[in-house]
Protein backbone atom coordinates (compact mmCIF):
# COMPACT_ATOMS: atom_id res chain seq x y z
CA MET A 1 -213.52 -60.64 23.45
CA GLU A 2 -216.98 -61.89 22.56
CA ILE A 3 -218.55 -65.09 23.80
CA THR A 4 -221.47 -66.78 22.10
CA LEU A 5 -224.58 -67.92 23.95
CA ALA A 6 -223.69 -71.59 23.41
CA GLU A 7 -220.24 -71.03 24.90
CA PHE A 8 -221.73 -69.14 27.82
CA ILE A 9 -224.20 -71.94 28.57
CA SER A 10 -221.50 -74.59 28.32
CA ARG A 11 -218.95 -72.58 30.33
CA PRO A 12 -220.70 -70.17 32.75
CA TYR A 13 -217.62 -70.16 35.00
CA PHE A 14 -215.75 -68.29 32.25
CA PHE A 15 -218.05 -65.28 32.57
CA ILE A 16 -217.97 -65.35 36.38
CA ASN A 17 -214.17 -65.66 36.38
CA ASN A 18 -213.87 -62.68 34.05
CA GLN A 19 -216.15 -60.56 36.26
CA LEU A 20 -214.20 -61.54 39.37
CA ALA A 21 -210.92 -60.61 37.69
CA GLU A 22 -212.31 -57.18 36.75
CA LEU A 23 -213.67 -56.66 40.27
CA CYS A 24 -210.33 -57.64 41.80
CA ASP A 25 -208.48 -55.25 39.48
CA TRP A 26 -210.87 -52.40 40.35
CA PHE A 27 -210.50 -53.14 44.09
CA THR A 28 -206.70 -53.19 43.85
CA LYS A 29 -206.65 -49.83 42.07
CA GLY A 30 -209.01 -48.38 44.69
CA VAL A 31 -206.86 -49.62 47.56
CA HIS A 32 -203.71 -48.17 46.00
CA LEU A 33 -205.43 -44.83 45.45
CA LEU A 34 -206.74 -44.78 49.02
CA ALA A 35 -203.33 -45.71 50.42
CA SER A 36 -201.62 -42.97 48.42
CA ASN A 37 -204.20 -40.45 49.67
CA TYR A 38 -203.47 -41.48 53.27
CA VAL A 39 -199.73 -41.14 52.68
CA ILE A 40 -200.15 -37.65 51.22
CA GLY A 41 -202.48 -36.66 54.07
CA GLY A 42 -200.05 -38.04 56.62
CA LEU A 43 -197.17 -36.09 55.12
CA VAL A 44 -199.22 -32.88 55.24
CA VAL A 45 -200.08 -33.48 58.92
CA VAL A 46 -196.44 -34.21 59.79
CA PHE A 47 -195.33 -31.08 57.92
CA LEU A 48 -197.88 -28.93 59.81
CA LEU A 49 -196.82 -30.42 63.15
CA LEU A 50 -193.18 -29.74 62.32
CA ILE A 51 -193.97 -26.11 61.52
CA GLY A 52 -195.87 -25.82 64.82
CA LEU A 53 -192.95 -27.32 66.75
CA LEU A 54 -190.46 -24.98 65.11
CA GLN A 55 -192.62 -21.97 65.98
CA MET A 56 -192.90 -23.14 69.61
CA CYS A 57 -189.13 -23.58 69.84
CA GLN A 58 -188.49 -20.07 68.52
CA GLU A 59 -190.69 -18.45 71.20
């Protein structure tokens, strides 16, 4: 979507709003990616602890 210079001068909030929406979208994607990485990491740690516990119980 293109905006002309006259439109930009008359409505600068439009450009700022668009940039904020893109920033918010990028931040949301980053948070979801980070959260999913923590979940995967947490599952790996729990799995390793479970293996360690099972080995201790067998001894």
